Protein backbone atom coordinates (compact mmCIF):
# COMPACT_ATOMS: atom_id res chain seq x y z
CA MET A 1 -0.01 -0.01 -0.01
CA PRO A 2 1.49 3.39 -0.98
CA GLN A 3 2.72 5.43 1.99
CA PRO A 4 2.16 9.15 2.17
CA GLY A 5 5.41 11.00 2.24
CA VAL A 6 7.28 8.08 0.86
CA ASP A 7 5.71 6.77 -2.31
CA VAL A 8 2.93 9.33 -2.72
CA PRO A 9 2.64 12.98 -1.73
CA ASP A 10 1.73 13.64 1.88
CA ARG A 11 -0.41 16.58 3.16
CA ARG A 12 2.41 19.00 2.24
CA GLY A 13 3.19 17.40 -1.12
CA ARG A 14 6.38 15.64 -0.06
CA THR A 15 7.71 12.24 -1.11
CA GLY A 16 10.89 10.37 -0.46
CA LEU A 17 11.05 11.28 3.21
CA ASP A 18 12.54 7.93 4.05
CA ARG A 19 15.77 8.97 2.38
CA THR A 20 16.69 11.58 5.04
CA GLY A 21 19.83 10.50 6.88
CA ARG A 22 20.73 7.59 4.69
CA ASP A 23 23.78 9.38 3.25
CA LEU A 24 25.32 10.58 6.53
CA GLU A 25 29.02 9.86 6.66
CA ARG A 26 30.41 12.59 8.93
CA ASN A 27 31.01 10.28 11.84
CA PRO A 28 32.88 7.05 11.08
CA ARG A 29 31.42 5.47 14.24
CA VAL A 30 27.93 5.69 12.90
CA ARG A 31 26.63 3.64 9.83
CA VAL A 32 22.98 4.14 8.95
CA ARG A 33 21.23 0.90 8.03
CA ASP A 34 17.62 1.88 7.45
CA VAL A 35 15.09 4.75 7.74
CA ARG A 36 11.35 4.29 8.01
CA VAL A 37 8.72 7.00 8.07
CA LEU A 38 6.23 6.34 10.91
CA ALA A 39 4.10 9.33 10.27
CA SER A 40 3.97 12.23 7.87
CA ASN A 41 1.20 14.73 8.45
CA TRP A 42 2.35 18.31 8.91
CA TYR A 43 5.61 17.19 10.58
CA VAL A 44 7.53 13.89 10.16
CA THR A 45 8.30 11.05 12.60
CA ARG A 46 10.94 8.59 11.51
CA THR A 47 12.70 5.61 13.09
CA THR A 48 16.33 5.02 12.04
CA ALA A 49 18.42 1.92 12.56
CA PHE A 50 22.20 2.35 12.63
CA ASP A 51 25.41 0.63 13.64
CA PHE A 52 27.21 2.43 16.43
CA GLN A 53 30.84 1.84 17.49
CA HIS A 54 31.38 2.31 21.23
CA ALA A 55 34.49 3.67 22.90
CA ASP A 56 35.82 0.10 23.52
CA GLY A 57 35.58 -0.66 19.76
CA THR A 58 32.50 -2.88 19.86
CA TRP A 59 29.55 -2.28 17.48
CA THR A 60 25.91 -2.48 18.39
CA VAL A 61 22.73 -1.93 16.30
CA GLU A 62 20.71 1.01 17.69
CA GLU A 63 17.32 2.43 16.73
CA ARG A 64 16.08 6.00 17.41
CA GLU A 65 12.90 7.85 16.65
CA THR A 66 13.17 11.47 15.43
CA TYR A 67 10.51 14.10 15.26
CA ASP A 68 11.22 16.51 12.38
CA ARG A 69 9.26 19.77 12.44
CA GLY A 70 11.92 21.82 10.69
CA ASP A 71 14.18 24.54 12.27
CA GLY A 72 12.90 27.66 13.99
CA ALA A 73 13.84 31.10 15.29
CA THR A 74 13.00 33.19 18.34
CA ILE A 75 13.72 36.77 19.43
CA LEU A 76 13.82 38.79 22.57
CA LEU A 77 12.48 42.30 22.00
CA TYR A 78 13.76 44.75 24.60
CA GLU A 79 13.68 48.41 25.60
CA PRO A 80 17.00 49.25 27.28
CA GLU A 81 16.14 52.60 28.81
CA VAL A 82 13.00 51.57 30.77
CA ARG A 83 14.18 47.91 31.11
CA THR A 84 11.22 46.19 29.56
CA VAL A 85 10.79 43.22 27.23
CA LEU A 86 8.07 42.37 24.82
CA LEU A 87 6.63 38.85 25.24
CA THR A 88 3.51 36.95 24.22
CA ARG A 89 0.91 34.67 25.85
CA GLN A 90 -0.89 31.94 23.94
CA PHE A 91 -2.54 28.55 24.49
CA ARG A 92 -0.20 25.55 24.05
CA PHE A 93 -1.99 22.21 24.13
CA PRO A 94 1.18 20.07 24.62
CA VAL A 95 1.92 21.91 27.92
CA TYR A 96 -1.65 21.86 28.94
CA VAL A 97 -1.89 18.09 28.56
CA ASN A 98 1.39 17.71 30.48
CA GLY A 99 0.55 19.56 33.66
CA HIS A 100 0.50 23.28 32.92
CA PRO A 101 -2.51 24.70 34.80
CA ASP A 102 -4.26 26.44 31.89
CA GLY A 103 -1.88 25.95 28.94
CA MET A 104 -1.41 29.70 28.55
CA LEU A 105 2.32 30.07 28.05
CA VAL A 106 4.36 33.24 28.28
CA GLU A 107 6.98 33.25 25.50
CA SER A 108 9.33 35.17 23.33
CA ALA A 109 8.06 35.59 19.77
CA ALA A 110 9.03 32.56 17.70
CA GLY A 111 8.14 30.35 14.69
CA LEU A 112 9.39 27.93 12.15
CA LEU A 113 11.70 29.00 9.35
CA ASP A 114 9.64 27.30 6.65
CA GLU A 115 11.52 28.19 3.46
CA ASP A 116 13.18 31.40 4.91
CA ASP A 117 16.59 32.04 6.33
CA PRO A 118 16.55 32.51 10.08
CA GLU A 119 16.71 36.39 10.13
CA THR A 120 13.98 36.71 7.55
CA ALA A 121 11.79 34.15 9.47
CA ILE A 122 12.15 35.88 12.80
CA ARG A 123 11.33 39.27 11.39
CA ARG A 124 8.16 37.76 9.94
CA GLU A 125 7.28 36.04 13.23
CA ALA A 126 7.95 38.98 15.40
CA GLU A 127 5.65 41.24 13.33
CA GLU A 128 2.92 38.58 13.21
CA GLU A 129 2.99 37.87 16.96
CA THR A 130 3.72 41.30 18.41
CA GLY A 131 2.87 43.85 15.72
CA HIS A 132 6.37 45.17 15.94
CA VAL A 133 8.43 45.71 12.74
CA VAL A 134 12.00 44.70 13.72
CA GLY A 135 14.95 46.87 12.73
CA ASP A 136 18.53 45.74 13.28
CA VAL A 137 18.80 42.34 14.96
CA GLU A 138 21.58 40.61 16.89
CA HIS A 139 22.23 36.97 16.45
CA VAL A 140 22.69 35.42 19.87
CA PHE A 141 23.28 31.65 19.42
CA ASP A 142 21.85 28.47 17.82
CA VAL A 143 20.63 25.65 20.07
CA TYR A 144 19.21 22.13 19.75
CA MET A 145 16.26 22.24 22.10
CA SER A 146 15.52 18.59 22.65
CA PRO A 147 18.35 16.52 21.05
CA GLY A 148 17.20 13.18 22.32
CA SER A 149 14.30 12.97 19.83
CA VAL A 150 13.56 16.33 18.17
CA THR A 151 15.73 17.41 15.18
CA GLU A 152 14.85 21.18 15.47
CA ARG A 153 17.65 23.70 15.79
CA LEU A 154 16.46 27.01 17.14
CA HIS A 155 18.14 30.33 16.09
CA PHE A 156 18.13 32.98 18.82
CA PHE A 157 17.98 36.70 18.16
CA ALA A 158 17.55 39.93 20.07
CA ALA A 159 16.51 43.40 18.97
CA PRO A 160 15.37 46.67 20.59
CA TYR A 161 11.86 48.08 20.24
CA ARG A 162 10.38 51.45 21.01
CA ARG A 163 7.59 51.85 23.49
CA GLY A 164 4.51 53.17 21.70
CA ASP A 165 5.28 51.20 18.51
CA VAL A 166 3.36 48.26 19.95
CA LEU A 167 0.25 48.03 22.04
CA PRO A 168 0.48 45.81 25.15
CA GLY A 169 -2.64 43.70 25.48
CA ALA A 170 -3.23 43.66 21.70
CA ARG A 171 -4.40 40.37 20.22
CA THR A 172 -2.34 39.18 17.29
CA GLY A 173 -1.54 36.01 15.32
CA LEU A 174 -2.84 34.37 12.15
CA ALA A 175 -6.55 33.58 12.48
CA GLU A 176 -6.33 31.04 9.69
CA GLU A 177 -3.81 29.07 11.76
CA GLY A 178 -5.91 29.21 14.87
CA GLU A 179 -3.61 31.70 16.62
CA ASP A 180 -4.88 33.98 19.34
CA ILE A 181 -1.89 35.71 20.91
CA GLU A 182 -1.78 38.40 23.58
CA VAL A 183 1.14 40.91 23.51
CA LEU A 184 2.74 41.49 26.97
CA GLU A 185 5.12 44.30 28.02
CA VAL A 186 6.94 43.12 31.08
CA GLY A 187 9.57 44.73 33.22
CA PHE A 188 12.90 42.93 32.78
CA ASP A 189 13.52 42.34 36.47
CA ASP A 190 9.99 41.12 36.90
CA ALA A 191 10.46 38.70 34.00
CA LEU A 192 13.55 37.30 35.61
CA ASP A 193 11.76 36.87 38.91
CA ARG A 194 8.93 34.96 37.17
CA ILE A 195 11.28 32.29 35.73
CA GLY A 196 10.21 28.90 37.04
CA ARG A 197 6.81 30.26 38.10
CA ASP A 198 4.73 31.49 35.20
CA ILE A 199 7.61 31.86 32.77
CA VAL A 200 8.48 28.24 32.11
CA ASP A 201 9.29 28.21 28.41
CA ALA A 202 12.87 27.16 27.71
CA LYS A 203 13.65 29.51 24.84
CA THR A 204 12.27 32.48 26.74
CA ILE A 205 14.26 31.72 29.87
CA MET A 206 17.40 31.29 27.83
CA LEU A 207 16.99 34.70 26.18
CA LEU A 208 16.20 36.40 29.52
CA GLN A 209 19.26 34.90 31.10
CA TRP A 210 21.38 35.89 28.08
CA ALA A 211 20.11 39.43 28.35
CA ALA A 212 21.11 39.59 32.02
CA LEU A 213 24.57 37.99 31.65
CA ARG A 214 25.82 39.17 28.25
CA GLY A 215 23.03 41.11 26.58
CA PRO A 216 21.42 44.54 26.89
CA PHE A 217 20.86 44.38 30.64
CA SER A 218 24.26 43.03 31.55
CA ALA A 219 26.85 44.97 33.50
CA GLY A 220 29.20 44.88 30.54
CA ARG A 221 26.73 46.45 28.19
CA ALA A 222 25.81 49.09 30.74
CA ALA A 223 29.51 50.02 31.26
CA GLY A 224 29.96 50.28 27.50
């Protein structure tokens, strides 16, 4: 029976998704044996079998599942003079089903790259989610967010914004994608204090800590 994403187009018109990873040769201790597509709807779940050479020289056959949703980008929008940051709040079912009280997550603006480069993508996502048109951006770092099973690499950025250019409390997002996003203007020190309480999103925490240690609210930036 033809399999969507392999023999026939899936929901996004893709075929040949079982070929991803078969040609990897960068690590001589890893030899890919087989790749199978388990599911291909909007994103792709694969299982890959490979030979792995351990430190003692022995080889074993391993199998890993990977969830491929593409790469993404996120940005911290900040106002250095009044020490505020621009965040969002939206409903996230995965956290709701895994213990978050109401599923309404406070986050930095973010989204998938799709076919764009990281900077173009984050400019698009920032405007869609906050209403702010980003000027100059600073690339912060790139991080694998859940390397045990998720292939996504997230590109982190930061940029200043001007108060008055955005309206805190505004509702944004793409209605056709079911988005209903609230724009939040939060004092930076308050945001740091809320880490682990109602700011529990990893990318947001990483950007806030970067901003405090090396970014716009760090002692080094202030001295400069």
